[in-house]
């Protein structure tokens, strides 16, 4: 099977790989994962100029997000996300849920990573009766290179491209960046740099800002609820 190149993969696929534990296959931030994955798809549509956020039109569910123009993304996952946006104008929070639990749900993204050979999926029988399926990151070197790109931006101060800035911003907003501490040592400097990228003007500014604000607010709310329980 021919492997996709870095530019062929979506931000949501790269983000899932970064958030996944290599051995166990567990994905960090599971409680709000649909927000994060939905956010990654919306950010990519924003960077591509397929959607826009109207900062002057906001309601209880955040700023309103609109489809733009007649162009259609070549990737089927992005096309489905664009179609969801185009159904009707909604606040970003509602849209994040609908995209993240439907179009960009965890299983759909993992299936793509398995097809690309970046995630290994194994099915075994227990006691000869029960089938169990496990996943782990395949040792292709792709994830290692991806981590190095994000590390260079957060630790070494390298100037990011739109994709790497989006990845760092989404990791920061979702609250999962500290889980990468073995590869990207967690520090005040890394926290500050990630927050700068979370709030910067890369790509389609209004879409990114709306998505990251919402993801960060939900992640923070979940953390508070867990600590208070």
Protein backbone atom coordinates (compact mmCIF):
# COMPACT_ATOMS: atom_id res chain seq x y z
CA UNK A 1 0.00 0.00 0.00
CA UNK A 2 1.34 3.42 -0.98
CA UNK A 3 1.79 5.63 2.03
CA UNK A 4 0.42 9.15 2.00
CA UNK A 5 2.85 12.01 2.32
CA UNK A 6 2.64 14.59 5.08
CA UNK A 7 0.77 17.03 2.88
CA UNK A 8 -1.78 14.37 1.91
CA UNK A 9 -2.89 13.78 5.49
CA UNK A 10 -5.43 16.04 7.14
CA UNK A 11 -4.75 18.08 10.25
CA UNK A 12 -7.29 15.91 12.09
CA UNK A 13 -5.25 12.77 11.27
CA UNK A 14 -1.97 14.32 12.38
CA UNK A 15 -3.64 15.58 15.56
CA UNK A 16 -5.03 12.13 16.38
CA UNK A 17 -1.58 10.58 15.93
CA UNK A 18 -0.02 13.17 18.23
CA UNK A 19 -2.65 12.57 20.92
CA UNK A 20 -2.36 8.77 20.70
CA UNK A 21 -0.19 6.71 23.04
CA UNK A 22 2.17 4.68 20.85
CA UNK A 23 1.74 1.38 22.69
CA UNK A 24 -1.78 1.38 24.15
CA UNK A 25 -3.51 3.35 21.41
CA UNK A 26 -5.29 5.46 24.02
CA UNK A 27 -6.09 8.96 22.80
CA UNK A 28 -5.63 11.83 25.25
CA UNK A 29 -8.54 14.10 26.08
CA UNK A 30 -11.14 11.41 25.39
CA UNK A 31 -13.88 13.30 27.24
CA UNK A 32 -13.85 16.22 24.80
CA UNK A 33 -12.31 14.46 21.80
CA UNK A 34 -15.27 15.21 19.54
CA UNK A 35 -14.70 18.92 20.06
CA UNK A 36 -11.02 18.60 19.24
CA UNK A 37 -11.48 16.45 16.13
CA UNK A 38 -14.36 18.57 14.90
CA UNK A 39 -12.23 21.63 15.53
CA UNK A 40 -9.37 20.23 13.47
CA UNK A 41 -11.68 19.75 10.48
CA UNK A 42 -13.15 23.25 10.79
CA UNK A 43 -9.70 24.82 11.12
CA UNK A 44 -8.54 23.04 7.96
CA UNK A 45 -11.63 24.25 6.10
CA UNK A 46 -10.90 27.75 7.37
CA UNK A 47 -7.27 27.63 6.24
CA UNK A 48 -8.46 26.47 2.82
CA UNK A 49 -10.96 29.31 2.56
CA UNK A 50 -14.01 27.03 2.48
CA UNK A 51 -15.74 28.49 5.55
CA UNK A 52 -15.73 31.75 7.49
CA UNK A 53 -16.75 32.83 10.98
CA UNK A 54 -18.73 36.03 11.46
CA UNK A 55 -17.33 37.73 14.57
CA UNK A 56 -20.15 40.29 14.39
CA UNK A 57 -22.84 37.60 14.65
CA UNK A 58 -22.60 35.63 17.86
CA UNK A 59 -25.15 33.85 20.04
CA UNK A 60 -25.23 31.47 22.97
CA UNK A 61 -23.34 28.87 20.93
CA UNK A 62 -20.59 31.23 19.80
CA UNK A 63 -19.93 33.03 16.55
CA UNK A 64 -21.83 31.89 13.47
CA UNK A 65 -19.98 29.85 10.84
CA UNK A 66 -20.80 30.09 7.13
CA UNK A 67 -19.82 28.08 4.05
CA UNK A 68 -17.98 30.16 1.43
CA UNK A 69 -18.10 29.97 -2.36
CA UNK A 70 -18.69 26.98 -4.64
CA UNK A 71 -15.33 25.20 -4.31
CA UNK A 72 -15.33 21.69 -2.87
CA UNK A 73 -12.38 20.03 -1.07
CA UNK A 74 -10.93 16.95 -2.76
CA UNK A 75 -10.79 14.95 0.48
CA UNK A 76 -14.08 13.16 1.29
CA UNK A 77 -13.87 13.89 5.02
CA UNK A 78 -13.43 17.60 4.38
CA UNK A 79 -16.21 17.53 1.79
CA UNK A 80 -18.58 15.99 4.34
CA UNK A 81 -17.59 18.59 6.95
CA UNK A 82 -18.10 21.39 4.42
CA UNK A 83 -21.54 19.98 3.55
CA UNK A 84 -22.45 19.95 7.25
CA UNK A 85 -21.49 23.62 7.55
CA UNK A 86 -23.50 24.40 4.42
CA UNK A 87 -26.73 22.86 5.74
CA UNK A 88 -27.54 25.99 7.74
CA UNK A 89 -25.75 28.74 9.65
CA UNK A 90 -24.96 27.67 13.23
CA UNK A 91 -22.90 28.76 16.19
CA UNK A 92 -19.41 27.28 16.34
CA UNK A 93 -20.09 25.24 19.48
CA UNK A 94 -23.07 23.43 17.93
CA UNK A 95 -21.11 22.87 14.74
CA UNK A 96 -18.12 21.44 16.60
CA UNK A 97 -20.37 18.84 18.22
CA UNK A 98 -22.13 17.92 14.97
CA UNK A 99 -18.91 17.63 12.97
CA UNK A 100 -16.94 15.92 15.75
CA UNK A 101 -19.58 13.29 16.58
CA UNK A 102 -20.59 12.68 12.96
CA UNK A 103 -18.22 13.45 10.11
CA UNK A 104 -14.99 13.47 12.11
CA UNK A 105 -15.77 10.97 14.81
CA UNK A 106 -12.91 8.99 16.33
CA UNK A 107 -13.66 5.75 14.47
CA UNK A 108 -13.70 7.45 11.06
CA UNK A 109 -10.32 9.07 11.64
CA UNK A 110 -8.77 5.88 13.03
CA UNK A 111 -9.99 3.88 10.03
CA UNK A 112 -8.16 6.31 7.74
CA UNK A 113 -4.97 6.03 9.77
CA UNK A 114 -5.17 2.24 9.62
CA UNK A 115 -5.66 2.39 5.83
CA UNK A 116 -2.61 4.64 5.54
CA UNK A 117 -0.49 2.20 7.53
CA UNK A 118 0.16 4.71 10.30
CA UNK A 119 -1.88 2.87 12.94
CA UNK A 120 -1.78 -0.89 13.48
CA UNK A 121 -5.01 -2.70 14.30
CA UNK A 122 -5.01 -6.25 15.68
CA UNK A 123 -7.97 -8.49 16.42
CA UNK A 124 -7.55 -11.44 18.75
CA UNK A 125 -9.78 -14.11 20.23
CA UNK A 126 -9.97 -14.50 23.99
CA UNK A 127 -10.78 -17.99 25.28
CA UNK A 128 -11.50 -18.89 21.68
CA UNK A 129 -14.80 -17.01 21.83
CA UNK A 130 -14.51 -13.28 22.34
CA UNK A 131 -12.92 -10.98 19.78
CA UNK A 132 -10.95 -7.99 21.05
CA UNK A 133 -9.43 -5.31 18.87
CA UNK A 134 -6.40 -3.25 19.85
CA UNK A 135 -4.66 -0.38 18.10
CA UNK A 136 -1.16 1.06 18.33
CA UNK A 137 0.97 3.52 16.40
CA UNK A 138 2.86 1.80 13.57
CA UNK A 139 6.61 2.39 13.56
CA UNK A 140 6.81 4.19 10.22
CA UNK A 141 8.78 7.19 11.46
CA UNK A 142 5.95 9.50 10.40
CA UNK A 143 4.78 10.34 13.92
CA UNK A 144 8.35 10.90 15.11
CA UNK A 145 8.90 13.43 12.32
CA UNK A 146 5.58 15.09 13.14
CA UNK A 147 6.48 15.43 16.82
CA UNK A 148 9.84 16.91 15.86
CA UNK A 149 8.14 19.62 13.80
CA UNK A 150 5.88 20.60 16.70
CA UNK A 151 8.80 20.39 19.16
CA UNK A 152 10.91 22.69 16.99
CA UNK A 153 8.17 25.30 17.12
CA UNK A 154 7.38 25.02 20.84
CA UNK A 155 10.84 24.38 22.27
CA UNK A 156 13.29 25.83 19.74
CA UNK A 157 11.20 28.79 18.59
CA UNK A 158 11.03 27.77 14.91
CA UNK A 159 8.55 29.67 12.76
CA UNK A 160 5.58 27.36 12.06
CA UNK A 161 3.65 26.85 8.86
CA UNK A 162 -0.15 27.00 9.06
CA UNK A 163 -0.53 23.26 9.65
CA UNK A 164 2.02 23.04 12.46
CA UNK A 165 0.62 26.17 14.09
CA UNK A 166 -2.85 24.64 13.90
CA UNK A 167 -1.63 21.41 15.50
CA UNK A 168 0.09 23.24 18.35
CA UNK A 169 -2.92 25.48 18.87
CA UNK A 170 -5.35 22.57 18.98
CA UNK A 171 -3.14 20.59 21.35
CA UNK A 172 -2.95 23.63 23.60
CA UNK A 173 -6.68 24.39 23.45
CA UNK A 174 -7.64 20.77 24.15
CA UNK A 175 -5.41 20.62 27.23
CA UNK A 176 -3.59 17.54 25.94
CA UNK A 177 -0.19 19.06 25.17
CA UNK A 178 1.31 18.00 28.57
CA UNK A 179 0.72 14.34 27.63
CA UNK A 180 3.52 14.69 25.07
CA UNK A 181 6.03 15.54 27.81
CA UNK A 182 8.32 12.62 26.93
CA UNK A 183 8.85 14.08 23.45
CA UNK A 184 8.11 17.75 24.11
CA UNK A 185 9.27 18.54 27.67
CA UNK A 186 6.53 20.46 29.47
CA UNK A 187 7.60 23.85 30.79
CA UNK A 188 6.41 27.39 31.29
CA UNK A 189 8.12 28.35 28.05
CA UNK A 190 6.29 25.64 26.09
CA UNK A 191 2.99 26.61 27.72
CA UNK A 192 3.46 30.27 26.80
CA UNK A 193 4.50 29.55 23.22
CA UNK A 194 1.56 27.17 22.72
CA UNK A 195 -0.86 29.77 24.08
CA UNK A 196 0.59 32.33 21.67
CA UNK A 197 -0.12 29.98 18.76
CA UNK A 198 -3.55 29.21 20.15
CA UNK A 199 -4.42 32.89 19.90
CA UNK A 200 -2.40 33.91 16.86
CA UNK A 201 -3.66 35.04 13.45
CA UNK A 202 -2.42 32.10 11.36
CA UNK A 203 -4.65 30.76 8.63
CA UNK A 204 -8.26 31.97 8.63
CA UNK A 205 -8.15 34.02 11.81
CA UNK A 206 -11.83 34.23 12.71
CA UNK A 207 -12.51 30.51 12.23
CA UNK A 208 -9.40 29.47 14.14
CA UNK A 209 -10.07 31.89 16.98
CA UNK A 210 -13.68 30.75 17.35
CA UNK A 211 -12.80 27.06 17.26
CA UNK A 212 -9.88 27.28 19.67
CA UNK A 213 -11.76 29.49 22.15
CA UNK A 214 -14.59 26.97 22.25
CA UNK A 215 -12.38 23.88 22.50
CA UNK A 216 -10.32 25.50 25.28
CA UNK A 217 -13.44 26.51 27.22
CA UNK A 218 -14.93 23.01 27.02
CA UNK A 219 -11.64 21.34 27.96
CA UNK A 220 -11.21 23.69 30.94
CA UNK A 221 -14.79 23.10 32.06
CA UNK A 222 -14.32 19.34 31.93
CA UNK A 223 -11.13 19.56 33.97
CA UNK A 224 -12.89 21.65 36.64
CA UNK A 225 -15.81 19.20 36.79
CA UNK A 226 -13.49 16.22 37.22
CA UNK A 227 -11.41 17.90 39.94
CA UNK A 228 -14.56 18.88 41.86
CA UNK A 229 -16.16 15.44 41.74
